[in-house]
Amino acid sequence: MADNLQALEEWVQPLIANLSTARRRKLLRTLAVGIRQRQAKRIAAQKNPDGSAYAPRKPRKADKKGRIKRRAALFKEMRKAKHLRIRASANLASVGYTGRTARIARIHQEGQLAEVGKGGPLHQYDRRELLGFTPDDRDWIAQTVHDHLGSQ
């Protein structure tokens, strides 16, 4: 996948190099916002970039009254724009997490061993790729750049 992104970058760079700073910034902001939306939809669908489903949560224990707690979707808050941040300038567009949210995302993205809570037991988390490009994302990026250049 990295090779495909590298090829896309090599295709796009000469095309946007001739754009004015303001038009590049607008294009990159459009791409960043669109990628954030696409990533949020994929996270909501509980899918990895390759199309496979996220590893399910571990079963939870019953609460005091003997009922099983409701199974909530993973990363419900992390897919919101409040956490999934964008940065865009004339030379750069990025989508990602910051601070504590970035640490949690990295643990799941890479399937790391981490504490369950502060001072709690260690747990090997399953790999769940929050951020990544699907083939549809690459096609969307190419089409968006093409449309932007065609509207000059």
N, C-alpha and C. Protein backbone atom coordinates (compact mmCIF):
# COMPACT_ATOMS: atom_id res chain seq x y z
N MET A 1 0.82 -1.18 0.00
CA MET A 1 0.00 0.00 0.00
C MET A 1 0.87 1.25 0.00
N ALA A 2 1.97 1.23 0.71
CA ALA A 2 2.86 2.39 0.76
C ALA A 2 3.39 2.71 -0.64
N ASP A 3 3.62 1.67 -1.44
CA ASP A 3 4.10 1.89 -2.81
C ASP A 3 3.05 2.63 -3.64
N ASN A 4 1.78 2.25 -3.47
CA ASN A 4 0.70 2.92 -4.20
C ASN A 4 0.59 4.38 -3.79
N LEU A 5 0.74 4.65 -2.50
CA LEU A 5 0.67 6.03 -2.02
C LEU A 5 1.86 6.83 -2.53
N GLN A 6 3.03 6.19 -2.59
CA GLN A 6 4.22 6.85 -3.12
C GLN A 6 4.02 7.19 -4.59
N ALA A 7 3.45 6.27 -5.34
CA ALA A 7 3.19 6.52 -6.77
C ALA A 7 2.17 7.65 -6.94
N LEU A 8 1.15 7.67 -6.08
CA LEU A 8 0.16 8.74 -6.14
C LEU A 8 0.81 10.09 -5.82
N GLU A 9 1.67 10.10 -4.82
CA GLU A 9 2.37 11.34 -4.45
C GLU A 9 3.25 11.82 -5.59
N GLU A 10 3.98 10.91 -6.23
CA GLU A 10 4.84 11.28 -7.35
C GLU A 10 4.03 11.81 -8.53
N TRP A 11 2.81 11.32 -8.71
CA TRP A 11 1.94 11.79 -9.78
C TRP A 11 1.39 13.18 -9.46
N VAL A 12 1.02 13.39 -8.19
CA VAL A 12 0.37 14.63 -7.79
C VAL A 12 1.35 15.79 -7.65
N GLN A 13 2.53 15.56 -7.11
CA GLN A 13 3.46 16.65 -6.81
C GLN A 13 3.73 17.58 -7.98
N PRO A 14 4.11 17.09 -9.15
CA PRO A 14 4.37 18.02 -10.25
C PRO A 14 3.12 18.78 -10.69
N LEU A 15 1.96 18.14 -10.55
CA LEU A 15 0.72 18.79 -10.98
C LEU A 15 0.36 19.97 -10.07
N ILE A 16 0.53 19.79 -8.77
CA ILE A 16 0.13 20.86 -7.86
C ILE A 16 1.25 21.86 -7.61
N ALA A 17 2.45 21.56 -8.05
CA ALA A 17 3.57 22.48 -7.85
C ALA A 17 3.34 23.80 -8.58
N ASN A 18 2.60 23.76 -9.66
CA ASN A 18 2.35 24.97 -10.44
C ASN A 18 1.19 25.80 -9.90
N LEU A 19 0.46 25.27 -8.91
CA LEU A 19 -0.66 26.02 -8.35
C LEU A 19 -0.16 27.13 -7.43
N SER A 20 -0.96 28.15 -7.29
CA SER A 20 -0.61 29.21 -6.35
C SER A 20 -0.71 28.66 -4.92
N THR A 21 -0.10 29.36 -4.01
CA THR A 21 -0.10 28.92 -2.60
C THR A 21 -1.53 28.78 -2.08
N ALA A 22 -2.38 29.74 -2.39
CA ALA A 22 -3.77 29.71 -1.92
C ALA A 22 -4.52 28.51 -2.48
N ARG A 23 -4.33 28.22 -3.76
CA ARG A 23 -5.03 27.07 -4.38
C ARG A 23 -4.51 25.74 -3.84
N ARG A 24 -3.19 25.66 -3.59
CA ARG A 24 -2.63 24.44 -2.99
C ARG A 24 -3.21 24.22 -1.60
N ARG A 25 -3.26 25.31 -0.82
CA ARG A 25 -3.80 25.21 0.55
C ARG A 25 -5.26 24.75 0.50
N LYS A 26 -6.03 25.31 -0.43
CA LYS A 26 -7.44 24.93 -0.56
C LYS A 26 -7.57 23.46 -0.94
N LEU A 27 -6.78 23.02 -1.90
CA LEU A 27 -6.81 21.61 -2.33
C LEU A 27 -6.43 20.69 -1.18
N LEU A 28 -5.34 21.00 -0.49
CA LEU A 28 -4.90 20.14 0.60
C LEU A 28 -5.90 20.12 1.75
N ARG A 29 -6.54 21.24 2.02
CA ARG A 29 -7.56 21.27 3.07
C ARG A 29 -8.76 20.41 2.65
N THR A 30 -9.16 20.53 1.39
CA THR A 30 -10.26 19.70 0.88
C THR A 30 -9.92 18.22 1.02
N LEU A 31 -8.70 17.86 0.66
CA LEU A 31 -8.26 16.45 0.80
C LEU A 31 -8.27 16.02 2.26
N ALA A 32 -7.74 16.86 3.15
CA ALA A 32 -7.67 16.49 4.57
C ALA A 32 -9.06 16.29 5.17
N VAL A 33 -9.98 17.20 4.86
CA VAL A 33 -11.35 17.08 5.38
C VAL A 33 -12.02 15.83 4.83
N GLY A 34 -11.87 15.58 3.55
CA GLY A 34 -12.46 14.39 2.94
C GLY A 34 -11.88 13.10 3.49
N ILE A 35 -10.57 13.08 3.69
CA ILE A 35 -9.94 11.88 4.26
C ILE A 35 -10.43 11.65 5.68
N ARG A 36 -10.55 12.74 6.46
CA ARG A 36 -11.05 12.58 7.83
C ARG A 36 -12.46 11.99 7.81
N GLN A 37 -13.32 12.48 6.93
CA GLN A 37 -14.68 11.95 6.84
C GLN A 37 -14.68 10.48 6.44
N ARG A 38 -13.84 10.13 5.49
CA ARG A 38 -13.77 8.74 5.03
C ARG A 38 -13.23 7.82 6.13
N GLN A 39 -12.22 8.30 6.87
CA GLN A 39 -11.67 7.51 7.97
C GLN A 39 -12.73 7.32 9.06
N ALA A 40 -13.47 8.37 9.38
CA ALA A 40 -14.51 8.29 10.41
C ALA A 40 -15.60 7.29 10.02
N LYS A 41 -15.99 7.29 8.75
CA LYS A 41 -17.00 6.33 8.29
C LYS A 41 -16.49 4.90 8.39
N ARG A 42 -15.22 4.71 8.04
CA ARG A 42 -14.65 3.37 8.11
C ARG A 42 -14.54 2.90 9.56
N ILE A 43 -14.14 3.81 10.46
CA ILE A 43 -14.05 3.47 11.88
C ILE A 43 -15.44 3.13 12.41
N ALA A 44 -16.45 3.89 12.01
CA ALA A 44 -17.83 3.62 12.44
C ALA A 44 -18.30 2.26 11.95
N ALA A 45 -17.84 1.86 10.76
CA ALA A 45 -18.20 0.56 10.21
C ALA A 45 -17.37 -0.57 10.81
N GLN A 46 -16.41 -0.22 11.69
CA GLN A 46 -15.56 -1.19 12.37
C GLN A 46 -14.77 -2.04 11.37
N LYS A 47 -14.15 -1.36 10.38
CA LYS A 47 -13.39 -2.04 9.33
C LYS A 47 -11.95 -1.55 9.30
N ASN A 48 -11.02 -2.46 9.05
CA ASN A 48 -9.63 -2.12 8.79
C ASN A 48 -9.53 -1.62 7.35
N PRO A 49 -8.45 -0.92 7.00
CA PRO A 49 -8.31 -0.44 5.62
C PRO A 49 -8.35 -1.55 4.57
N ASP A 50 -7.97 -2.76 4.94
CA ASP A 50 -8.00 -3.86 3.96
C ASP A 50 -9.40 -4.46 3.81
N GLY A 51 -10.39 -3.94 4.56
CA GLY A 51 -11.76 -4.41 4.45
C GLY A 51 -12.16 -5.43 5.49
N SER A 52 -11.20 -5.95 6.25
CA SER A 52 -11.53 -6.92 7.28
C SER A 52 -12.14 -6.22 8.49
N ALA A 53 -12.93 -6.96 9.25
CA ALA A 53 -13.58 -6.39 10.44
C ALA A 53 -12.57 -6.26 11.57
N TYR A 54 -12.82 -5.29 12.45
CA TYR A 54 -11.99 -5.16 13.66
C TYR A 54 -12.14 -6.41 14.50
N ALA A 55 -11.10 -6.74 15.23
CA ALA A 55 -11.20 -7.83 16.20
C ALA A 55 -12.25 -7.43 17.23
N PRO A 56 -13.15 -8.35 17.60
CA PRO A 56 -14.21 -7.97 18.54
C PRO A 56 -13.65 -7.69 19.94
N ARG A 57 -14.41 -6.95 20.70
CA ARG A 57 -14.04 -6.70 22.09
C ARG A 57 -14.09 -8.00 22.88
N LYS A 58 -13.35 -8.01 23.98
CA LYS A 58 -13.46 -9.14 24.89
C LYS A 58 -14.84 -9.09 25.54
N PRO A 59 -15.42 -10.24 25.83
CA PRO A 59 -16.73 -10.22 26.50
C PRO A 59 -16.61 -9.55 27.88
N ARG A 60 -17.61 -8.78 28.21
CA ARG A 60 -17.61 -8.09 29.50
C ARG A 60 -18.34 -8.92 30.53
N LYS A 61 -17.97 -8.70 31.79
CA LYS A 61 -18.63 -9.39 32.89
C LYS A 61 -19.99 -8.75 33.15
N ALA A 62 -20.85 -9.49 33.83
CA ALA A 62 -22.18 -8.97 34.17
C ALA A 62 -22.04 -7.90 35.25
N ASP A 63 -22.94 -6.92 35.23
CA ASP A 63 -22.89 -5.90 36.26
C ASP A 63 -23.54 -6.43 37.53
N LYS A 64 -23.73 -5.58 38.53
CA LYS A 64 -24.22 -6.01 39.84
C LYS A 64 -25.58 -6.69 39.77
N LYS A 65 -26.44 -6.26 38.85
CA LYS A 65 -27.78 -6.82 38.78
C LYS A 65 -27.84 -8.07 37.92
N GLY A 66 -26.70 -8.51 37.41
CA GLY A 66 -26.67 -9.74 36.63
C GLY A 66 -26.90 -9.54 35.15
N ARG A 67 -27.07 -8.28 34.72
CA ARG A 67 -27.29 -8.04 33.29
C ARG A 67 -25.96 -7.85 32.59
N ILE A 68 -25.89 -8.24 31.37
CA ILE A 68 -24.70 -8.01 30.57
C ILE A 68 -24.72 -6.55 30.12
N LYS A 69 -23.58 -5.90 30.24
CA LYS A 69 -23.51 -4.51 29.81
C LYS A 69 -23.65 -4.44 28.29
N ARG A 70 -24.28 -3.37 27.83
CA ARG A 70 -24.49 -3.18 26.39
C ARG A 70 -23.16 -3.10 25.67
N ARG A 71 -23.04 -3.80 24.56
CA ARG A 71 -21.80 -3.78 23.78
C ARG A 71 -21.80 -2.54 22.89
N ALA A 72 -20.96 -1.61 23.25
CA ALA A 72 -20.86 -0.37 22.47
C ALA A 72 -19.82 -0.55 21.37
N ALA A 73 -19.99 0.23 20.32
CA ALA A 73 -19.04 0.20 19.21
C ALA A 73 -17.68 0.72 19.69
N LEU A 74 -16.64 0.13 19.15
CA LEU A 74 -15.29 0.59 19.48
C LEU A 74 -15.04 1.97 18.88
N PHE A 75 -14.30 2.79 19.58
CA PHE A 75 -13.81 4.07 19.08
C PHE A 75 -14.92 5.04 18.69
N LYS A 76 -16.04 5.00 19.40
CA LYS A 76 -17.17 5.88 19.09
C LYS A 76 -16.77 7.35 19.20
N GLU A 77 -16.03 7.71 20.22
CA GLU A 77 -15.60 9.10 20.39
C GLU A 77 -14.41 9.45 19.49
N MET A 78 -13.55 8.49 19.26
CA MET A 78 -12.31 8.77 18.54
C MET A 78 -12.53 9.09 17.06
N ARG A 79 -13.70 8.79 16.54
CA ARG A 79 -13.95 9.10 15.14
C ARG A 79 -14.51 10.50 14.94
N LYS A 80 -14.78 11.20 16.03
CA LYS A 80 -15.31 12.57 15.93
C LYS A 80 -14.20 13.54 15.56
N ALA A 81 -14.59 14.63 14.91
CA ALA A 81 -13.63 15.64 14.47
C ALA A 81 -12.87 16.24 15.65
N LYS A 82 -13.46 16.23 16.83
CA LYS A 82 -12.80 16.75 18.03
C LYS A 82 -11.49 16.01 18.30
N HIS A 83 -11.45 14.73 18.00
CA HIS A 83 -10.26 13.92 18.25
C HIS A 83 -9.46 13.65 16.97
N LEU A 84 -10.15 13.40 15.88
CA LEU A 84 -9.50 13.10 14.60
C LEU A 84 -9.21 14.44 13.92
N ARG A 85 -8.02 14.97 14.17
CA ARG A 85 -7.67 16.34 13.80
C ARG A 85 -7.03 16.40 12.42
N ILE A 86 -7.23 17.53 11.75
CA ILE A 86 -6.58 17.77 10.46
C ILE A 86 -5.67 18.98 10.58
N ARG A 87 -4.62 18.96 9.78
CA ARG A 87 -3.74 20.13 9.60
C ARG A 87 -3.52 20.26 8.11
N ALA A 88 -3.70 21.45 7.62
CA ALA A 88 -3.50 21.68 6.20
C ALA A 88 -2.83 23.02 5.99
N SER A 89 -1.84 23.02 5.13
CA SER A 89 -1.17 24.25 4.72
C SER A 89 -0.91 24.13 3.22
N ALA A 90 -0.16 25.04 2.67
CA ALA A 90 0.13 24.99 1.24
C ALA A 90 1.07 23.84 0.89
N ASN A 91 1.76 23.29 1.88
CA ASN A 91 2.75 22.24 1.61
C ASN A 91 2.43 20.91 2.27
N LEU A 92 1.39 20.85 3.12
CA LEU A 92 1.18 19.67 3.95
C LEU A 92 -0.29 19.50 4.27
N ALA A 93 -0.73 18.27 4.29
CA ALA A 93 -2.05 17.93 4.80
C ALA A 93 -1.88 16.69 5.66
N SER A 94 -2.43 16.71 6.87
CA SER A 94 -2.32 15.55 7.74
C SER A 94 -3.62 15.33 8.49
N VAL A 95 -3.90 14.07 8.78
CA VAL A 95 -5.06 13.67 9.55
C VAL A 95 -4.54 12.73 10.62
N GLY A 96 -4.87 13.01 11.88
CA GLY A 96 -4.38 12.14 12.94
C GLY A 96 -4.89 12.55 14.30
N TYR A 97 -4.32 11.94 15.30
CA TYR A 97 -4.70 12.16 16.69
C TYR A 97 -3.57 12.87 17.41
N THR A 98 -3.91 13.53 18.52
CA THR A 98 -2.91 14.18 19.35
C THR A 98 -3.14 13.79 20.81
N GLY A 99 -2.11 13.97 21.61
CA GLY A 99 -2.21 13.78 23.05
C GLY A 99 -2.56 12.37 23.47
N ARG A 100 -3.41 12.28 24.48
CA ARG A 100 -3.80 10.98 25.05
C ARG A 100 -4.52 10.12 24.01
N THR A 101 -5.31 10.76 23.16
CA THR A 101 -6.03 10.05 22.12
C THR A 101 -5.05 9.39 21.15
N ALA A 102 -3.94 10.08 20.86
CA ALA A 102 -2.93 9.52 19.96
C ALA A 102 -2.30 8.28 20.57
N ARG A 103 -2.09 8.29 21.87
CA ARG A 103 -1.50 7.13 22.54
C ARG A 103 -2.44 5.93 22.45
N ILE A 104 -3.72 6.15 22.70
CA ILE A 104 -4.71 5.07 22.62
C ILE A 104 -4.81 4.56 21.18
N ALA A 105 -4.83 5.47 20.23
CA ALA A 105 -4.92 5.07 18.82
C ALA A 105 -3.70 4.26 18.41
N ARG A 106 -2.52 4.68 18.85
CA ARG A 106 -1.28 3.96 18.49
C ARG A 106 -1.29 2.54 19.05
N ILE A 107 -1.76 2.39 20.28
CA ILE A 107 -1.82 1.06 20.91
C ILE A 107 -2.69 0.12 20.07
N HIS A 108 -3.82 0.61 19.62
CA HIS A 108 -4.72 -0.23 18.81
C HIS A 108 -4.22 -0.38 17.38
N GLN A 109 -3.67 0.69 16.81
CA GLN A 109 -3.18 0.66 15.43
C GLN A 109 -2.09 -0.40 15.27
N GLU A 110 -1.21 -0.48 16.27
CA GLU A 110 -0.06 -1.38 16.18
C GLU A 110 -0.25 -2.67 16.97
N GLY A 111 -1.34 -2.79 17.73
CA GLY A 111 -1.57 -3.99 18.53
C GLY A 111 -0.53 -4.16 19.62
N GLN A 112 -0.33 -3.14 20.44
CA GLN A 112 0.73 -3.13 21.45
C GLN A 112 0.27 -3.72 22.78
N LEU A 113 1.25 -3.97 23.63
CA LEU A 113 1.02 -4.37 25.01
C LEU A 113 0.98 -3.09 25.83
N ALA A 114 -0.10 -2.89 26.60
CA ALA A 114 -0.24 -1.65 27.38
C ALA A 114 -1.08 -1.91 28.62
N GLU A 115 -0.99 -0.96 29.55
CA GLU A 115 -1.79 -1.05 30.77
C GLU A 115 -3.25 -0.81 30.41
N VAL A 116 -4.14 -1.56 31.06
CA VAL A 116 -5.57 -1.39 30.84
C VAL A 116 -6.03 -0.06 31.42
N GLY A 117 -5.55 0.27 32.57
CA GLY A 117 -5.82 1.55 33.22
C GLY A 117 -4.55 1.99 33.90
N LYS A 118 -4.56 3.18 34.45
CA LYS A 118 -3.36 3.68 35.12
C LYS A 118 -3.00 2.75 36.28
N GLY A 119 -1.81 2.17 36.19
CA GLY A 119 -1.36 1.24 37.22
C GLY A 119 -2.02 -0.12 37.15
N GLY A 120 -2.82 -0.36 36.11
CA GLY A 120 -3.55 -1.61 35.98
C GLY A 120 -2.73 -2.70 35.31
N PRO A 121 -3.36 -3.84 35.11
CA PRO A 121 -2.65 -4.96 34.49
C PRO A 121 -2.33 -4.67 33.02
N LEU A 122 -1.32 -5.36 32.51
CA LEU A 122 -0.95 -5.24 31.10
C LEU A 122 -1.86 -6.13 30.26
N HIS A 123 -2.15 -5.67 29.06
CA HIS A 123 -2.98 -6.44 28.15
C HIS A 123 -2.44 -6.28 26.73
N GLN A 124 -2.41 -7.36 25.99
CA GLN A 124 -2.01 -7.32 24.58
C GLN A 124 -3.25 -6.99 23.76
N TYR A 125 -3.30 -5.78 23.22
CA TYR A 125 -4.44 -5.35 22.44
C TYR A 125 -4.37 -5.92 21.03
N ASP A 126 -5.54 -6.23 20.49
CA ASP A 126 -5.62 -6.69 19.11
C ASP A 126 -5.33 -5.52 18.18
N ARG A 127 -4.82 -5.84 17.01
CA ARG A 127 -4.51 -4.81 16.02
C ARG A 127 -5.81 -4.37 15.34
N ARG A 128 -6.10 -3.07 15.46
CA ARG A 128 -7.26 -2.47 14.81
C ARG A 128 -6.77 -1.19 14.16
N GLU A 129 -6.68 -1.19 12.86
CA GLU A 129 -6.09 -0.04 12.15
C GLU A 129 -7.10 1.09 12.03
N LEU A 130 -6.90 2.11 12.85
CA LEU A 130 -7.79 3.26 12.83
C LEU A 130 -7.54 4.13 11.60
N LEU A 131 -6.29 4.33 11.26
CA LEU A 131 -5.94 5.19 10.15
C LEU A 131 -5.24 4.38 9.07
N GLY A 132 -5.64 4.59 7.85
CA GLY A 132 -5.03 3.90 6.72
C GLY A 132 -5.84 4.18 5.47
N PHE A 133 -5.23 3.94 4.34
CA PHE A 133 -5.87 4.22 3.07
C PHE A 133 -6.39 2.95 2.43
N THR A 134 -7.62 3.01 1.98
CA THR A 134 -8.21 1.92 1.21
C THR A 134 -8.00 2.23 -0.28
N PRO A 135 -8.18 1.26 -1.14
CA PRO A 135 -8.10 1.56 -2.58
C PRO A 135 -9.09 2.64 -3.00
N ASP A 136 -10.28 2.65 -2.39
CA ASP A 136 -11.26 3.70 -2.70
C ASP A 136 -10.75 5.08 -2.29
N ASP A 137 -10.03 5.15 -1.17
CA ASP A 137 -9.46 6.43 -0.73
C ASP A 137 -8.46 6.95 -1.75
N ARG A 138 -7.61 6.08 -2.24
CA ARG A 138 -6.62 6.49 -3.24
C ARG A 138 -7.30 6.99 -4.51
N ASP A 139 -8.33 6.27 -4.94
CA ASP A 139 -9.08 6.70 -6.13
C ASP A 139 -9.76 8.04 -5.89
N TRP A 140 -10.32 8.21 -4.69
CA TRP A 140 -10.98 9.47 -4.35
C TRP A 140 -9.99 10.63 -4.36
N ILE A 141 -8.80 10.41 -3.81
CA ILE A 141 -7.77 11.45 -3.78
C ILE A 141 -7.39 11.84 -5.22
N ALA A 142 -7.15 10.85 -6.06
CA ALA A 142 -6.78 11.13 -7.46
C ALA A 142 -7.89 11.89 -8.17
N GLN A 143 -9.14 11.48 -7.96
CA GLN A 143 -10.26 12.15 -8.60
C GLN A 143 -10.43 13.57 -8.09
N THR A 144 -10.25 13.78 -6.79
CA THR A 144 -10.37 15.12 -6.20
C THR A 144 -9.31 16.06 -6.76
N VAL A 145 -8.07 15.56 -6.86
CA VAL A 145 -7.00 16.37 -7.42
C VAL A 145 -7.31 16.69 -8.88
N HIS A 146 -7.74 15.69 -9.62
CA HIS A 146 -8.09 15.88 -11.03
C HIS A 146 -9.19 16.92 -11.19
N ASP A 147 -10.24 16.82 -10.37
CA ASP A 147 -11.35 17.78 -10.43
C ASP A 147 -10.89 19.18 -10.08
N HIS A 148 -10.03 19.28 -9.07
CA HIS A 148 -9.53 20.58 -8.63
C HIS A 148 -8.69 21.24 -9.73
N LEU A 149 -7.85 20.44 -10.38
CA LEU A 149 -7.02 20.99 -11.45
C LEU A 149 -7.84 21.35 -12.68
N GLY A 150 -8.91 20.60 -12.91
CA GLY A 150 -9.77 20.87 -14.05
C GLY A 150 -10.63 22.11 -13.88
N SER A 151 -10.81 22.55 -12.63
CA SER A 151 -11.68 23.71 -12.38
C SER A 151 -10.91 25.03 -12.41
N GLN A 152 -9.66 25.00 -12.83
CA GLN A 152 -8.85 26.23 -12.87
C GLN A 152 -9.35 27.18 -13.91
